[in-house]
C-alpha atoms as a PDB file:
ATOM      1  CA  MET A   1     -21.183 -12.188 -13.051  1.00  0.00           C
ATOM      2  CA  PRO A   2     -21.448  -9.004 -15.168  1.00  0.00           C
ATOM      3  CA  ASP A   3     -21.955  -9.475 -18.909  1.00  0.00           C
ATOM      4  CA  ASP A   4     -20.296  -6.174 -19.869  1.00  0.00           C
ATOM      5  CA  LEU A   5     -16.542  -6.450 -19.257  1.00  0.00           C
ATOM      6  CA  THR A   6     -15.717  -2.888 -20.270  1.00  0.00           C
ATOM      7  CA  GLU A   7     -14.503  -0.505 -17.605  1.00  0.00           C
ATOM      8  CA  THR A   8     -17.610   1.644 -18.192  1.00  0.00           C
ATOM      9  CA  GLY A   9     -19.858  -1.378 -17.741  1.00  0.00           C
ATOM     10  CA  PHE A  10     -18.062  -2.295 -14.539  1.00  0.00           C
ATOM     11  CA  THR A  11     -18.542   1.216 -13.158  1.00  0.00           C
ATOM     12  CA  GLN A  12     -22.183   1.267 -14.220  1.00  0.00           C
ATOM     13  CA  ARG A  13     -22.824  -1.934 -12.301  1.00  0.00           C
ATOM     14  CA  ILE A  14     -21.470  -0.295  -9.148  1.00  0.00           C
ATOM     15  CA  THR A  15     -23.484   2.859  -9.856  1.00  0.00           C
ATOM     16  CA  LYS A  16     -26.677   0.845 -10.336  1.00  0.00           C
ATOM     17  CA  GLU A  17     -26.282  -0.770  -6.915  1.00  0.00           C
ATOM     18  CA  TYR A  18     -24.868   2.310  -5.203  1.00  0.00           C
ATOM     19  CA  TYR A  19     -27.985   3.496  -3.388  1.00  0.00           C
ATOM     20  CA  ASN A  20     -28.767  -0.008  -2.198  1.00  0.00           C
ATOM     21  CA  LEU A  21     -25.430  -0.091  -0.379  1.00  0.00           C
ATOM     22  CA  THR A  22     -24.866   0.633   3.280  1.00  0.00           C
ATOM     23  CA  ALA A  23     -22.762   3.632   4.248  1.00  0.00           C
ATOM     24  CA  ALA A  24     -19.723   1.410   4.788  1.00  0.00           C
ATOM     25  CA  GLU A  25     -20.252  -0.407   1.478  1.00  0.00           C
ATOM     26  CA  LYS A  26     -20.462   2.955  -0.305  1.00  0.00           C
ATOM     27  CA  LYS A  27     -16.986   3.744   1.031  1.00  0.00           C
ATOM     28  CA  VAL A  28     -15.728   0.615  -0.710  1.00  0.00           C
ATOM     29  CA  ALA A  29     -17.549   1.542  -3.923  1.00  0.00           C
ATOM     30  CA  ASP A  30     -16.108   5.064  -3.858  1.00  0.00           C
ATOM     31  CA  TYR A  31     -12.603   3.741  -3.330  1.00  0.00           C
ATOM     32  CA  VAL A  32     -12.877   1.140  -6.095  1.00  0.00           C
ATOM     33  CA  ILE A  33     -14.151   3.683  -8.625  1.00  0.00           C
ATOM     34  CA  ALA A  34     -11.393   6.149  -7.738  1.00  0.00           C
ATOM     35  CA  HIS A  35      -8.580   3.555  -7.681  1.00  0.00           C
ATOM     36  CA  ARG A  36      -9.562   0.901 -10.233  1.00  0.00           C
ATOM     37  CA  ALA A  37      -6.008   0.243 -11.435  1.00  0.00           C
ATOM     38  CA  GLU A  38      -4.644  -0.160  -7.908  1.00  0.00           C
ATOM     39  CA  VAL A  39      -7.491  -2.284  -6.539  1.00  0.00           C
ATOM     40  CA  GLN A  40      -6.808  -5.174  -8.915  1.00  0.00           C
ATOM     41  CA  ASN A  41      -3.440  -5.587  -7.142  1.00  0.00           C
ATOM     42  CA  LEU A  42      -4.835  -5.430  -3.591  1.00  0.00           C
ATOM     43  CA  SER A  43      -5.778  -8.260  -1.283  1.00  0.00           C
ATOM     44  CA  ILE A  44      -9.150  -8.056   0.440  1.00  0.00           C
ATOM     45  CA  THR A  45      -7.333  -7.050   3.637  1.00  0.00           C
ATOM     46  CA  GLU A  46      -5.503  -4.218   1.892  1.00  0.00           C
ATOM     47  CA  LEU A  47      -8.657  -2.919   0.189  1.00  0.00           C
ATOM     48  CA  ALA A  48     -10.490  -2.965   3.513  1.00  0.00           C
ATOM     49  CA  GLY A  49      -7.636  -1.043   5.117  1.00  0.00           C
ATOM     50  CA  ASP A  50      -7.414   1.535   2.315  1.00  0.00           C
ATOM     51  CA  ALA A  51     -11.171   2.062   2.317  1.00  0.00           C
ATOM     52  CA  ALA A  52     -11.216   2.179   6.147  1.00  0.00           C
ATOM     53  CA  VAL A  53     -13.812  -0.586   6.502  1.00  0.00           C
ATOM     54  CA  ALA A  54     -13.903  -4.153   7.814  1.00  0.00           C
ATOM     55  CA  GLU A  55     -13.065  -7.104   5.567  1.00  0.00           C
ATOM     56  CA  ALA A  56     -16.630  -8.337   6.041  1.00  0.00           C
ATOM     57  CA  THR A  57     -17.861  -5.081   4.482  1.00  0.00           C
ATOM     58  CA  VAL A  58     -15.760  -5.709   1.364  1.00  0.00           C
ATOM     59  CA  SER A  59     -17.155  -9.247   1.163  1.00  0.00           C
ATOM     60  CA  ARG A  60     -20.723  -7.951   1.383  1.00  0.00           C
ATOM     61  CA  PHE A  61     -19.996  -5.306  -1.253  1.00  0.00           C
ATOM     62  CA  VAL A  62     -18.620  -7.956  -3.619  1.00  0.00           C
ATOM     63  CA  ARG A  63     -21.704 -10.135  -3.146  1.00  0.00           C
ATOM     64  CA  ARG A  64     -23.937  -7.117  -3.810  1.00  0.00           C
ATOM     65  CA  LEU A  65     -22.348  -6.986  -7.252  1.00  0.00           C
ATOM     66  CA  GLN A  66     -23.214 -10.686  -7.695  1.00  0.00           C
ATOM     67  CA  TYR A  67     -19.670 -12.030  -7.549  1.00  0.00           C
ATOM     68  CA  ARG A  68     -19.024 -15.323  -5.809  1.00  0.00           C
ATOM     69  CA  GLY A  69     -16.023 -13.953  -3.967  1.00  0.00           C
ATOM     70  CA  TYR A  70     -13.329 -11.306  -3.842  1.00  0.00           C
ATOM     71  CA  ASN A  71     -10.979 -13.112  -6.216  1.00  0.00           C
ATOM     72  CA  GLU A  72     -13.646 -13.266  -8.923  1.00  0.00           C
ATOM     73  CA  PHE A  73     -14.428  -9.572  -8.384  1.00  0.00           C
ATOM     74  CA  ARG A  74     -10.745  -8.629  -8.683  1.00  0.00           C
ATOM     75  CA  MET A  75     -10.323 -10.756 -11.817  1.00  0.00           C
ATOM     76  CA  GLU A  76     -13.303  -9.121 -13.498  1.00  0.00           C
ATOM     77  CA  LEU A  77     -11.968  -5.694 -12.572  1.00  0.00           C
ATOM     78  CA  ALA A  78      -8.691  -6.554 -14.299  1.00  0.00           C
ATOM     79  CA  ARG A  79     -10.505  -7.921 -17.347  1.00  0.00           C
ATOM     80  CA  SER A  80     -12.684  -4.845 -17.638  1.00  0.00           C
ATOM     81  CA  ALA A  81      -9.621  -2.614 -17.553  1.00  0.00           C
ATOM     82  CA  MET A  82      -7.989  -4.691 -20.299  1.00  0.00           C
ATOM     83  CA  ALA A  83     -11.125  -4.572 -22.432  1.00  0.00           C
ATOM     84  CA  SER A  84     -11.103  -0.784 -22.253  1.00  0.00           C
ATOM     85  CA  ALA A  85      -7.369  -0.175 -22.597  1.00  0.00           C
ATOM     86  CA  SER A  86      -5.493  -2.174 -25.214  1.00  0.00           C
ATOM     87  CA  ASP A  87      -2.136  -1.187 -23.742  1.00  0.00           C
ATOM     88  CA  MET A  88      -2.801  -3.166 -20.563  1.00  0.00           C
ATOM     89  CA  SER A  89      -1.401  -6.685 -20.579  1.00  0.00           C
ATOM     90  CA  PRO A  90      -1.070  -9.737 -18.342  1.00  0.00           C
ATOM     91  CA  LEU A  91       2.577  -9.985 -19.433  1.00  0.00           C
ATOM     92  CA  SER A  92       5.497  -9.146 -17.180  1.00  0.00           C
ATOM     93  CA  GLY A  93       6.411  -5.495 -16.899  1.00  0.00           C
ATOM     94  CA  GLU A  94       3.221  -4.418 -18.714  1.00  0.00           C
ATOM     95  CA  VAL A  95       4.647  -5.570 -22.049  1.00  0.00           C
ATOM     96  CA  THR A  96       2.373  -4.782 -24.998  1.00  0.00           C
ATOM     97  CA  ASP A  97       2.182  -6.115 -28.545  1.00  0.00           C
ATOM     98  CA  ARG A  98       3.318  -2.718 -29.821  1.00  0.00           C
ATOM     99  CA  ASP A  99       6.646  -2.790 -27.958  1.00  0.00           C
ATOM    100  CA  SER A 100       9.926  -3.311 -29.746  1.00  0.00           C
ATOM    101  CA  PHE A 101      12.213  -6.109 -28.581  1.00  0.00           C
ATOM    102  CA  SER A 102      14.422  -3.528 -26.857  1.00  0.00           C
ATOM    103  CA  GLU A 103      11.417  -2.099 -24.999  1.00  0.00           C
ATOM    104  CA  ILE A 104      10.232  -5.564 -23.977  1.00  0.00           C
ATOM    105  CA  ILE A 105      13.516  -6.637 -22.409  1.00  0.00           C
ATOM    106  CA  ARG A 106      13.881  -3.312 -20.602  1.00  0.00           C
ATOM    107  CA  LYS A 107      10.337  -3.465 -19.214  1.00  0.00           C
ATOM    108  CA  ILE A 108      10.857  -6.988 -17.927  1.00  0.00           C
ATOM    109  CA  TYR A 109      14.221  -6.046 -16.442  1.00  0.00           C
ATOM    110  CA  THR A 110      12.656  -3.032 -14.703  1.00  0.00           C
ATOM    111  CA  ALA A 111       9.792  -5.118 -13.298  1.00  0.00           C
ATOM    112  CA  ASP A 112      12.189  -7.735 -11.913  1.00  0.00           C
ATOM    113  CA  VAL A 113      14.547  -5.164 -10.396  1.00  0.00           C
ATOM    114  CA  ASP A 114      11.595  -3.236  -8.910  1.00  0.00           C
ATOM    115  CA  ALA A 115      10.385  -6.420  -7.225  1.00  0.00           C
ATOM    116  CA  MET A 116      13.777  -6.921  -5.588  1.00  0.00           C
ATOM    117  CA  THR A 117      14.043  -3.249  -4.624  1.00  0.00           C
ATOM    118  CA  GLN A 118      10.625  -3.348  -2.960  1.00  0.00           C
ATOM    119  CA  THR A 119      11.638  -6.503  -1.103  1.00  0.00           C
ATOM    120  CA  LEU A 120      14.922  -4.953   0.012  1.00  0.00           C
ATOM    121  CA  GLU A 121      13.000  -2.058   1.563  1.00  0.00           C
ATOM    122  CA  LEU A 122      10.682  -4.483   3.383  1.00  0.00           C
ATOM    123  CA  ILE A 123      13.366  -6.734   4.872  1.00  0.00           C
ATOM    124  CA  ASP A 124      13.622  -6.440   8.641  1.00  0.00           C
ATOM    125  CA  GLU A 125      16.735  -7.786  10.378  1.00  0.00           C
ATOM    126  CA  LYS A 126      14.904  -8.902  13.527  1.00  0.00           C
ATOM    127  CA  THR A 127      12.320 -10.795  11.479  1.00  0.00           C
ATOM    128  CA  ILE A 128      14.983 -12.592   9.423  1.00  0.00           C
ATOM    129  CA  LYS A 129      16.855 -13.531  12.608  1.00  0.00           C
ATOM    130  CA  HIS A 130      13.632 -14.796  14.205  1.00  0.00           C
ATOM    131  CA  ALA A 131      12.972 -16.990  11.164  1.00  0.00           C
ATOM    132  CA  ALA A 132      16.555 -18.275  11.297  1.00  0.00           C
ATOM    133  CA  ASP A 133      16.090 -19.078  14.998  1.00  0.00           C
ATOM    134  CA  LEU A 134      13.071 -21.264  14.205  1.00  0.00           C
ATOM    135  CA  ILE A 135      14.940 -23.054  11.423  1.00  0.00           C
ATOM    136  CA  GLU A 136      18.064 -23.571  13.521  1.00  0.00           C
ATOM    137  CA  ARG A 137      16.122 -25.006  16.484  1.00  0.00           C
ATOM    138  CA  ALA A 138      13.990 -27.345  14.403  1.00  0.00           C
ATOM    139  CA  ASP A 139      14.816 -31.028  14.034  1.00  0.00           C
ATOM    140  CA  LYS A 140      12.976 -31.034  10.701  1.00  0.00           C
ATOM    141  CA  VAL A 141      11.948 -28.192   8.379  1.00  0.00           C
ATOM    142  CA  PHE A 142       9.180 -28.853   5.865  1.00  0.00           C
ATOM    143  CA  CYS A 143       9.055 -26.572   2.807  1.00  0.00           C
ATOM    144  CA  MET A 144       5.574 -26.139   1.356  1.00  0.00           C
ATOM    145  CA  GLY A 145       3.474 -24.140  -1.074  1.00  0.00           C
ATOM    146  CA  GLN A 146       0.624 -24.445  -3.559  1.00  0.00           C
ATOM    147  CA  GLY A 147       0.824 -24.325  -7.349  1.00  0.00           C
ATOM    148  CA  GLY A 148       3.679 -22.140  -8.551  1.00  0.00           C
ATOM    149  CA  SER A 149       4.693 -21.418  -4.970  1.00  0.00           C
ATOM    150  CA  MET A 150       5.440 -25.124  -4.506  1.00  0.00           C
ATOM    151  CA  ILE A 151       8.245 -24.737  -7.041  1.00  0.00           C
ATOM    152  CA  LEU A 152       9.790 -22.136  -4.724  1.00  0.00           C
ATOM    153  CA  ALA A 153       9.352 -24.465  -1.758  1.00  0.00           C
ATOM    154  CA  GLN A 154      11.168 -27.235  -3.619  1.00  0.00           C
ATOM    155  CA  GLU A 155      14.007 -24.839  -4.430  1.00  0.00           C
ATOM    156  CA  ALA A 156      14.175 -23.860  -0.740  1.00  0.00           C
ATOM    157  CA  ALA A 157      14.439 -27.497   0.346  1.00  0.00           C
ATOM    158  CA  HIS A 158      17.121 -28.122  -2.275  1.00  0.00           C
ATOM    159  CA  LEU A 159      19.116 -25.055  -1.223  1.00  0.00           C
ATOM    160  CA  PHE A 160      18.986 -25.736   2.512  1.00  0.00           C
ATOM    161  CA  THR A 161      19.784 -29.424   2.015  1.00  0.00           C
ATOM    162  CA  THR A 162      23.267 -28.359   0.918  1.00  0.00           C
ATOM    163  CA  THR A 163      23.883 -27.522   4.593  1.00  0.00           C
ATOM    164  CA  LYS A 164      21.983 -30.243   6.495  1.00  0.00           C
ATOM    165  CA  SER A 165      19.711 -33.170   5.740  1.00  0.00           C
ATOM    166  CA  LYS A 166      16.766 -31.978   7.842  1.00  0.00           C
ATOM    167  CA  TYR A 167      14.918 -30.132   5.065  1.00  0.00           C
ATOM    168  CA  PHE A 168      12.045 -31.710   3.123  1.00  0.00           C
ATOM    169  CA  ALA A 169       9.766 -30.500   0.330  1.00  0.00           C
ATOM    170  CA  VAL A 170       6.162 -31.700   0.749  1.00  0.00           C
ATOM    171  CA  THR A 171       4.416 -31.251  -2.580  1.00  0.00           C
ATOM    172  CA  ASP A 172       0.947 -32.792  -2.294  1.00  0.00           C
ATOM    173  CA  ASN A 173      -1.975 -31.023  -0.544  1.00  0.00           C
ATOM    174  CA  HIS A 174      -3.064 -34.155   1.285  1.00  0.00           C
ATOM    175  CA  THR A 175       0.485 -35.071   2.252  1.00  0.00           C
ATOM    176  CA  GLN A 176       1.000 -31.560   3.618  1.00  0.00           C
ATOM    177  CA  ALA A 177      -2.010 -32.002   5.919  1.00  0.00           C
ATOM    178  CA  ILE A 178      -0.815 -35.466   6.961  1.00  0.00           C
ATOM    179  CA  THR A 179       2.689 -34.159   7.666  1.00  0.00           C
ATOM    180  CA  ALA A 180       1.340 -31.237   9.690  1.00  0.00           C
ATOM    181  CA  SER A 181      -0.813 -33.579  11.785  1.00  0.00           C
ATOM    182  CA  THR A 182       2.256 -35.486  13.034  1.00  0.00           C
ATOM    183  CA  MET A 183       4.478 -32.469  13.715  1.00  0.00           C
ATOM    184  CA  THR A 184       5.737 -31.449  17.141  1.00  0.00           C
ATOM    185  CA  GLU A 185       7.126 -28.281  18.651  1.00  0.00           C
ATOM    186  CA  LYS A 186      10.533 -29.462  17.387  1.00  0.00           C
ATOM    187  CA  ASP A 187       9.440 -29.080  13.738  1.00  0.00           C
ATOM    188  CA  ALA A 188       9.024 -26.050  11.511  1.00  0.00           C
ATOM    189  CA  ILE A 189       7.295 -25.130   8.251  1.00  0.00           C
ATOM    190  CA  LEU A 190       8.673 -22.751   5.639  1.00  0.00           C
ATOM    191  CA  TYR A 191       5.593 -21.877   3.572  1.00  0.00           C
ATOM    192  CA  PHE A 192       5.531 -19.902   0.306  1.00  0.00           C
ATOM    193  CA  SER A 193       2.298 -18.141  -0.673  1.00  0.00           C
ATOM    194  CA  TYR A 194       2.245 -14.851  -2.566  1.00  0.00           C
ATOM    195  CA  SER A 195      -1.389 -14.210  -1.583  1.00  0.00           C
ATOM    196  CA  GLY A 196      -1.184 -15.766   1.883  1.00  0.00           C
ATOM    197  CA  ALA A 197      -4.828 -16.705   1.420  1.00  0.00           C
ATOM    198  CA  THR A 198      -5.451 -20.188   0.007  1.00  0.00           C
ATOM    199  CA  THR A 199      -7.766 -22.762   1.572  1.00  0.00           C
ATOM    200  CA  ASP A 200      -5.251 -25.634   1.502  1.00  0.00           C
ATOM    201  CA  MET A 201      -2.592 -23.451   3.113  1.00  0.00           C
ATOM    202  CA  MET A 202      -4.982 -22.387   5.877  1.00  0.00           C
ATOM    203  CA  HIS A 203      -5.908 -26.003   6.546  1.00  0.00           C
ATOM    204  CA  THR A 204      -2.280 -27.150   6.758  1.00  0.00           C
ATOM    205  CA  LEU A 205      -1.066 -24.231   8.854  1.00  0.00           C
ATOM    206  CA  SER A 206      -4.019 -24.538  11.249  1.00  0.00           C
ATOM    207  CA  ILE A 207      -3.095 -28.158  11.925  1.00  0.00           C
ATOM    208  CA  ALA A 208       0.588 -27.298  12.358  1.00  0.00           C
ATOM    209  CA  ARG A 209      -0.315 -24.447  14.718  1.00  0.00           C
ATOM    210  CA  GLU A 210      -2.294 -26.845  16.918  1.00  0.00           C
ATOM    211  CA  ARG A 211       0.680 -29.208  16.991  1.00  0.00           C
ATOM    212  CA  GLY A 212       3.009 -26.427  18.160  1.00  0.00           C
ATOM    213  CA  ALA A 213       5.264 -26.384  15.097  1.00  0.00           C
ATOM    214  CA  GLY A 214       7.055 -23.182  14.128  1.00  0.00           C
ATOM    215  CA  ILE A 215       5.656 -21.479  11.019  1.00  0.00           C
ATOM    216  CA  ILE A 216       7.468 -19.105   8.662  1.00  0.00           C
ATOM    217  CA  LEU A 217       5.358 -17.593   5.881  1.00  0.00           C
ATOM    218  CA  ILE A 218       6.800 -15.827   2.834  1.00  0.00           C
ATOM    219  CA  THR A 219       4.053 -13.674   1.310  1.00  0.00           C
ATOM    220  CA  ARG A 220       3.291 -10.323  -0.276  1.00  0.00           C
ATOM    221  CA  PHE A 221       0.560  -9.498   2.227  1.00  0.00           C
ATOM    222  CA  PRO A 222       1.557  -9.243   5.917  1.00  0.00           C
ATOM    223  CA  ASN A 223      -2.084  -9.026   7.026  1.00  0.00           C
ATOM    224  CA  ALA A 224      -3.277 -12.003   4.977  1.00  0.00           C
ATOM    225  CA  PRO A 225      -5.237 -14.785   6.750  1.00  0.00           C
ATOM    226  CA  GLY A 226      -2.194 -17.073   6.660  1.00  0.00           C
ATOM    227  CA  ALA A 227      -0.082 -14.480   8.431  1.00  0.00           C
ATOM    228  CA  LYS A 228      -2.286 -14.806  11.507  1.00  0.00           C
ATOM    229  CA  LEU A 229      -1.194 -18.431  11.855  1.00  0.00           C
ATOM    230  CA  ALA A 230       2.526 -17.778  11.342  1.00  0.00           C
ATOM    231  CA  ASP A 231       5.208 -17.131  13.925  1.00  0.00           C
ATOM    232  CA  VAL A 232       7.186 -15.113  11.395  1.00  0.00           C
ATOM    233  CA  VAL A 233       6.033 -13.343   8.216  1.00  0.00           C
ATOM    234  CA  LEU A 234       8.653 -12.440   5.611  1.00  0.00           C
ATOM    235  CA  GLN A 235       7.156  -9.918   3.201  1.00  0.00           C
ATOM    236  CA  CYS A 236       8.240  -9.860  -0.431  1.00  0.00           C
ATOM    237  CA  GLY A 237       7.759  -7.022  -2.910  1.00  0.00           C
ATOM    238  CA  SER A 238       6.224  -6.943  -6.441  1.00  0.00           C
ATOM    239  CA  ASN A 239       2.718  -5.811  -7.361  1.00  0.00           C
ATOM    240  CA  GLU A 240       1.358  -8.714  -9.349  1.00  0.00           C
ATOM    241  CA  SER A 241      -1.761  -8.335 -11.468  1.00  0.00           C
ATOM    242  CA  PRO A 242      -4.344 -11.112 -10.910  1.00  0.00           C
ATOM    243  CA  LEU A 243      -4.043 -11.886 -14.635  1.00  0.00           C
ATOM    244  CA  GLN A 244      -0.340 -12.722 -14.314  1.00  0.00           C
ATOM    245  CA  LEU A 245      -0.969 -15.754 -12.091  1.00  0.00           C
ATOM    246  CA  GLY A 246       2.561 -16.199 -10.766  1.00  0.00           C
ATOM    247  CA  SER A 247       4.743 -13.628 -12.483  1.00  0.00           C
ATOM    248  CA  VAL A 248       8.492 -14.099 -12.660  1.00  0.00           C
ATOM    249  CA  ALA A 249       8.969 -10.790 -10.816  1.00  0.00           C
ATOM    250  CA  ALA A 250       6.895 -12.070  -7.891  1.00  0.00           C
ATOM    251  CA  ARG A 251       8.931 -15.268  -7.767  1.00  0.00           C
ATOM    252  CA  ILE A 252      12.209 -13.366  -7.957  1.00  0.00           C
ATOM    253  CA  SER A 253      11.182 -11.297  -4.929  1.00  0.00           C
ATOM    254  CA  GLN A 254      10.497 -14.478  -2.945  1.00  0.00           C
ATOM    255  CA  MET A 255      13.740 -16.087  -4.108  1.00  0.00           C
ATOM    256  CA  TYR A 256      15.603 -13.017  -2.917  1.00  0.00           C
ATOM    257  CA  LEU A 257      14.053 -13.405   0.541  1.00  0.00           C
ATOM    258  CA  LEU A 258      14.962 -17.095   0.506  1.00  0.00           C
ATOM    259  CA  ASP A 259      18.575 -16.252  -0.303  1.00  0.00           C
ATOM    260  CA  VAL A 260      18.723 -13.722   2.555  1.00  0.00           C
ATOM    261  CA  LEU A 261      17.294 -16.257   5.006  1.00  0.00           C
ATOM    262  CA  PHE A 262      19.656 -18.970   3.758  1.00  0.00           C
ATOM    263  CA  SER A 263      22.646 -16.663   4.230  1.00  0.00           C
ATOM    264  CA  GLU A 264      21.595 -15.845   7.795  1.00  0.00           C
ATOM    265  CA  VAL A 265      21.291 -19.541   8.672  1.00  0.00           C
ATOM    266  CA  CYS A 266      24.648 -20.378   7.046  1.00  0.00           C
ATOM    267  CA  LEU A 267      26.489 -17.565   8.814  1.00  0.00           C
ATOM    268  CA  ARG A 268      25.537 -19.106  12.148  1.00  0.00           C
ATOM    269  CA  ASN A 269      27.176 -22.419  11.237  1.00  0.00           C
ATOM    270  CA  LEU A 270      29.769 -21.418   8.659  1.00  0.00           C
ATOM    271  CA  ASP A 271      32.253 -24.219   9.311  1.00  0.00           C
ATOM    272  CA  ASP A 272      29.525 -26.881   9.225  1.00  0.00           C
ATOM    273  CA  CYS A 273      28.160 -25.418   5.990  1.00  0.00           C
ATOM    274  CA  ARG A 274      31.622 -25.479   4.396  1.00  0.00           C
ATOM    275  CA  ARG A 275      32.118 -29.118   5.354  1.00  0.00           C
ATOM    276  CA  ALA A 276      28.686 -30.061   4.030  1.00  0.00           C
ATOM    277  CA  ARG A 277      29.307 -28.282   0.724  1.00  0.00           C
ATOM    278  CA  LEU A 278      32.662 -30.054   0.311  1.00  0.00           C
ATOM    279  CA  ALA A 279      31.088 -33.443   1.061  1.00  0.00           C
ATOM    280  CA  ILE A 280      28.323 -32.804  -1.467  1.00  0.00           C
ATOM    281  CA  ALA A 281      30.788 -31.654  -4.106  1.00  0.00           C
ATOM    282  CA  GLU A 282      32.792 -34.850  -3.619  1.00  0.00           C
ATOM    283  CA  ALA A 283      29.673 -37.026  -3.791  1.00  0.00           C
ATOM    284  CA  LEU A 284      28.623 -35.392  -7.064  1.00  0.00           C
ATOM    285  CA  THR A 285      32.026 -35.604  -8.715  1.00  0.00           C
ATOM    286  CA  ASP A 286      31.108 -38.710 -10.703  1.00  0.00           C
ATOM    287  CA  LYS A 287      27.859 -37.119 -11.890  1.00  0.00           C
ATOM    288  CA  HIS A 288      29.656 -34.701 -14.196  1.00  0.00           C
ATOM    289  CA  LEU A 289      31.309 -35.475 -17.523  1.00  0.00           C
END
């Protein structure tokens, strides 16, 4: 790992290794130097696509710079930018310590609205309907995620349970693998992963794929490794810095997609949904003061 976290030090490390790189690796180096701010928000698949190289080339380039993997490389790139520019921040909406309260709330508002706007532009009617088809056909739908994304999965299970009792949140990594191993083609998974590239997710989805279960993935990156295992990929908006580690804007974009999917499923069974909501409201009457 580089000792100098400044942006200049980061660039110098690339420059030092530049003539030891292959022609393809030099394309990655050139792109990173020219687009440092953007690269810290890109997945390895997106960087490979933008630099017009294979993902394996990006991986080799990262190892040439003595990083253990792409995520560590991207994190150090973000840190180096912060060390060189005090106005960069891991806070939502690029909030800085020099902002007034009015500026802070407007920046956060703008970041959250931008995330929803990006998601709105990415929503595809056929894809939403395909996801709804999988959910409607399934006898059981298991909502899953890792870390902060598991919170979204729990919210999804809670929301959909207000229509039918076939939705379940599976919160533990081991339990997710166990659940996937006993699934059938009559089951479905609704998986939340902003990156679409975690080892536990890949393990669980690989098992579910072998069992024939339907898989819906909500992610920022449609070409992520997890997307290759999914039947349907619902792409959310929001460009999250690696230093934000689960920004509210990123979660809002996924919640928006969840709400759209929920509405599509409900519209297909509106009378049943109304009856279920009324039954739930009656059952919860005694829970309120």
